[in-house]
Structure formats: C-alpha cells, structure tokens
Protein backbone atom coordinates (compact mmCIF):
# COMPACT_ATOMS: atom_id res chain seq x y z
CA MET A 1 56.50 -52.67 -35.52
CA LYS A 2 53.11 -51.14 -36.32
CA SER A 3 51.82 -48.13 -34.48
CA THR A 4 48.72 -48.44 -32.29
CA GLN A 5 46.75 -46.38 -34.79
CA ASN A 6 47.68 -48.75 -37.63
CA GLN A 7 46.78 -51.77 -35.47
CA ASN A 8 43.37 -50.25 -34.72
CA THR A 9 42.83 -49.51 -38.39
CA ASP A 10 43.81 -53.08 -39.32
CA TYR A 11 41.56 -54.50 -36.61
CA GLU A 12 38.58 -52.46 -37.75
CA TYR A 13 39.21 -53.30 -41.41
CA TYR A 14 39.35 -57.05 -40.77
CA LEU A 15 36.39 -56.94 -38.40
CA GLN A 16 34.23 -55.13 -40.98
CA ALA A 17 35.46 -57.43 -43.74
CA GLY A 18 34.46 -60.46 -41.65
CA LEU A 19 30.99 -59.03 -41.06
CA ALA A 20 30.54 -58.33 -44.76
CA LEU A 21 31.63 -61.88 -45.58
CA ILE A 22 29.10 -63.27 -43.10
CA ASN A 23 26.38 -61.26 -44.87
CA ASP A 24 27.49 -62.90 -48.11
CA GLN A 25 27.49 -66.30 -46.33
CA GLN A 26 31.19 -66.73 -47.05
CA PHE A 27 31.83 -68.19 -43.63
CA ALA A 28 35.27 -69.73 -44.22
CA SER A 29 36.58 -66.42 -45.55
CA ALA A 30 34.96 -64.59 -42.62
CA ILE A 31 36.94 -66.80 -40.23
CA VAL A 32 40.17 -65.72 -41.94
CA ALA A 33 39.18 -62.06 -41.63
CA PHE A 34 38.35 -62.49 -37.93
CA ASP A 35 41.66 -64.32 -37.40
CA ASN A 36 43.42 -61.30 -38.89
CA ALA A 37 41.41 -58.92 -36.70
CA ILE A 38 42.52 -60.93 -33.65
CA LYS A 39 46.15 -60.75 -34.82
CA ALA A 40 45.76 -56.98 -35.01
CA ASP A 41 44.07 -56.70 -31.59
CA ALA A 42 43.37 -59.78 -29.47
CA SER A 43 41.81 -57.74 -26.67
CA GLN A 44 38.42 -57.14 -28.31
CA ALA A 45 35.72 -59.50 -27.01
CA ILE A 46 33.28 -58.85 -29.84
CA VAL A 47 35.51 -60.32 -32.55
CA TYR A 48 35.61 -63.63 -30.67
CA GLN A 49 31.83 -63.55 -30.44
CA TYR A 50 31.53 -63.00 -34.20
CA ARG A 51 34.10 -65.68 -34.97
CA GLY A 52 32.26 -68.04 -32.62
CA ALA A 53 28.98 -67.41 -34.42
CA THR A 54 30.72 -68.05 -37.73
CA GLU A 55 32.29 -71.28 -36.45
CA PHE A 56 28.84 -72.34 -35.26
CA ALA A 57 27.39 -71.64 -38.72
CA LEU A 58 30.09 -73.91 -40.14
CA GLY A 59 29.18 -76.65 -37.67
CA ASN A 60 32.37 -76.25 -35.62
CA ILE A 61 30.63 -76.25 -32.25
CA LYS A 62 33.71 -76.79 -30.07
CA ALA A 63 35.56 -73.96 -31.81
CA ALA A 64 32.50 -71.74 -31.36
CA ILE A 65 32.38 -72.49 -27.64
CA ALA A 66 36.10 -71.75 -27.31
CA ASP A 67 35.57 -68.36 -28.96
CA TYR A 68 32.59 -67.56 -26.72
CA ASP A 69 34.72 -68.55 -23.72
CA GLN A 70 37.42 -66.10 -24.82
CA SER A 71 34.86 -63.36 -25.43
CA ILE A 72 33.49 -63.87 -21.91
CA THR A 73 37.01 -63.88 -20.47
CA LEU A 74 37.64 -60.50 -22.08
CA ASN A 75 34.20 -59.07 -21.23
CA ALA A 76 32.16 -60.95 -18.64
CA ASN A 77 29.21 -58.61 -19.32
CA GLU A 78 28.84 -59.65 -22.98
CA ALA A 79 25.35 -61.20 -22.87
CA GLY A 80 25.51 -62.19 -26.53
CA SER A 81 28.42 -64.53 -25.87
CA TYR A 82 26.57 -66.25 -23.03
CA PHE A 83 23.43 -66.56 -25.15
CA ASN A 84 25.28 -67.92 -28.17
CA ARG A 85 27.38 -70.28 -26.04
CA GLY A 86 24.12 -71.57 -24.54
CA ILE A 87 22.86 -72.35 -28.04
CA ALA A 88 26.15 -74.10 -28.83
CA TYR A 89 25.91 -76.13 -25.63
CA GLU A 90 22.38 -77.15 -26.61
CA ALA A 91 23.67 -78.26 -30.01
CA GLN A 92 26.07 -80.58 -28.15
CA GLY A 93 23.34 -81.87 -25.86
CA GLU A 94 24.81 -80.07 -22.83
CA PHE A 95 21.50 -78.66 -21.66
CA THR A 96 22.48 -77.95 -18.06
CA LYS A 97 25.40 -75.79 -19.24
CA ALA A 98 23.08 -74.04 -21.68
CA ILE A 99 20.61 -73.26 -18.91
CA ALA A 100 23.41 -71.80 -16.78
CA ASP A 101 24.36 -69.45 -19.62
CA TYR A 102 20.74 -68.41 -20.20
CA ASP A 103 20.48 -67.73 -16.46
CA VAL A 104 23.37 -65.25 -16.75
CA VAL A 105 21.71 -63.55 -19.72
CA LEU A 106 18.37 -63.26 -17.92
CA THR A 107 19.97 -61.98 -14.72
CA ASN A 108 21.36 -59.08 -16.73
CA ASN A 109 18.35 -58.65 -19.01
CA PRO A 110 15.08 -60.10 -17.65
CA ASN A 111 13.22 -58.93 -20.76
CA TYR A 112 15.19 -61.06 -23.23
CA ALA A 113 12.39 -63.19 -24.72
CA SER A 114 14.73 -65.34 -26.82
CA ALA A 115 16.67 -66.39 -23.71
CA TYR A 116 13.44 -67.59 -22.05
CA PHE A 117 12.52 -69.42 -25.25
CA THR A 118 15.88 -71.17 -25.61
CA ARG A 119 16.02 -71.95 -21.89
CA GLY A 120 12.55 -73.45 -22.32
CA ASN A 121 13.93 -75.60 -25.13
CA ALA A 122 16.74 -76.83 -22.88
CA TYR A 123 14.30 -77.70 -20.10
CA LEU A 124 12.06 -79.44 -22.64
CA ALA A 125 15.03 -81.53 -23.80
CA LEU A 126 15.71 -82.44 -20.15
CA GLN A 127 12.02 -83.37 -19.79
CA ASP A 128 11.53 -80.79 -17.05
CA PHE A 129 8.18 -79.87 -18.52
CA ASP A 130 7.06 -77.54 -15.72
CA ALA A 131 10.22 -75.45 -16.08
CA ALA A 132 9.83 -75.48 -19.87
CA ILE A 133 6.24 -74.21 -19.58
CA LYS A 134 7.31 -71.49 -17.15
CA ASN A 135 10.01 -70.28 -19.57
CA TYR A 136 7.81 -70.43 -22.66
CA SER A 137 5.12 -68.54 -20.75
CA GLN A 138 7.62 -65.83 -19.80
CA SER A 139 8.78 -65.63 -23.40
CA LEU A 140 5.15 -65.29 -24.50
CA THR A 141 4.58 -62.51 -21.97
CA LEU A 142 7.28 -60.57 -23.82
CA ARG A 143 6.36 -61.79 -27.33
CA PRO A 144 2.72 -62.93 -27.23
CA ASP A 145 2.48 -63.74 -30.93
CA ASP A 146 5.44 -66.17 -31.07
CA PRO A 147 4.02 -69.31 -32.68
CA GLU A 148 7.12 -71.41 -31.94
CA ALA A 149 6.96 -70.65 -28.22
CA LEU A 150 3.26 -71.56 -28.26
CA PHE A 151 3.95 -74.78 -30.17
CA ASN A 152 6.77 -75.79 -27.82
CA ARG A 153 4.73 -74.93 -24.73
CA ALA A 154 1.94 -77.05 -26.17
CA SER A 155 4.39 -79.94 -26.49
CA ALA A 156 5.32 -79.55 -22.80
CA TYR A 157 1.65 -79.42 -21.79
CA HIS A 158 1.03 -82.51 -23.89
CA ALA A 159 3.87 -84.36 -22.12
CA LEU A 160 2.16 -83.55 -18.81
CA ASN A 161 -1.17 -84.86 -20.16
CA ASN A 162 -2.70 -81.38 -19.99
CA PHE A 163 -4.43 -81.86 -23.31
CA ASP A 164 -6.77 -78.87 -23.04
CA ALA A 165 -3.87 -76.42 -22.60
CA ALA A 166 -1.86 -78.24 -25.30
CA SER A 167 -4.75 -78.04 -27.78
CA ALA A 168 -5.31 -74.35 -27.08
CA ASP A 169 -1.62 -73.54 -27.66
CA TYR A 170 -1.38 -75.73 -30.77
CA LEU A 171 -4.43 -74.05 -32.28
CA THR A 172 -3.21 -70.54 -31.47
CA ALA A 173 0.24 -71.33 -32.90
CA ILE A 174 -1.20 -72.72 -36.12
CA ASN A 175 -3.57 -69.75 -36.45
CA LEU A 176 -0.58 -67.43 -36.15
CA ASN A 177 1.45 -69.44 -38.65
CA PRO A 178 -0.47 -72.05 -40.66
CA ASN A 179 2.79 -73.54 -41.98
CA LEU A 180 4.32 -73.96 -38.52
CA ALA A 181 3.47 -77.62 -38.03
CA ASN A 182 4.96 -78.55 -41.41
CA ASP A 183 8.04 -76.39 -40.79
CA LEU A 184 8.72 -77.85 -37.33
CA LEU A 185 8.06 -81.45 -38.30
CA GLN A 186 10.45 -81.45 -41.25
C-alpha cells in the first residue's frame, strides 16, 4: 500500500501530465493521465473538471457532464464546473439546464461576463429574446468591446423587429472585428 505522500505525488504528477497533454492537444492521452490522477486521489474536484473539459473537447458530452457532476459533488463552490457543464448542456440542446448552471455561476460571481454571454446564447436558442438582450447587455457592461456579444444581441433585436438597435449593434460589432460576420456565418 502506498503512503499518503506517494499518493499525493502520483496525483500531482498525473494531473500536471494531463494538463501538459491538453496543451499539446493530445486529448486521449490526457484522459489517461487524469484517470491515473483519479486513481491516486479521487477526492480532488479539479481533476474531474479538467477531465470533463477534455472529454468535451473530444466530443464526449455525456462523459463531460458526468465529470462536471462529480466535480460539483466534491466541491459545490467550483464555479468552473457549473460554467463548463452549462456549455455542455447547451451542446446537447438542454438550454434550461444550462441557464440554471449559469445562474449558479452568476450568483457567486456577478461580474463573470462569459456567463452572461453564454446564458444569453441559451436564451437566444430558446427564443426568449428579451432575456437574451438583457444578458448580452450585462456582458457588454463588463466587456464593452465584445463583438460577438454585440452581434448576438443584434440578432435578438432583429428577432424582435427592433431594426434600429439591431443595425447599430451589427455595425459596432463589424467595426470591432471586420471578419466577424464571415467567422460566425461559416
């Protein structure tokens, strides 16, 4: 049986190896490293979050959600797991679940612009255009030069037939990033 110190050393080694493999975009190998880190110490929430992100990168959405669930079980205050699980839920078309996760993130950190942006995306997908606009506007309060938030808010305005506001946001977004329309429409 290994000592606690050896288990901690093994955990840290495998965790760092997994992170390095992610940086090299060797996602399948990173999963193996994170699996080994979990074998060494299954009580660390962050390794489940990293493995979940890696599973997501590989397109394994259900496995990613399961890892985020475990991370949250181990540390209910881990905002990154809620945020990432929200993105995974969106990828599955489960927008209401995604919004609930973004709500948790924003309750703990009301200045998290990306959570407003992604929650806006979920509301946009649900065709709740007023809520989408509210979230994009909050995101833009925190990051005023975000062309994607402007573009998406413009889309919501357009859906509500508020063409003046839509045009203003579209123009501002394209002025900030002239390639944005091409990038988003591809």
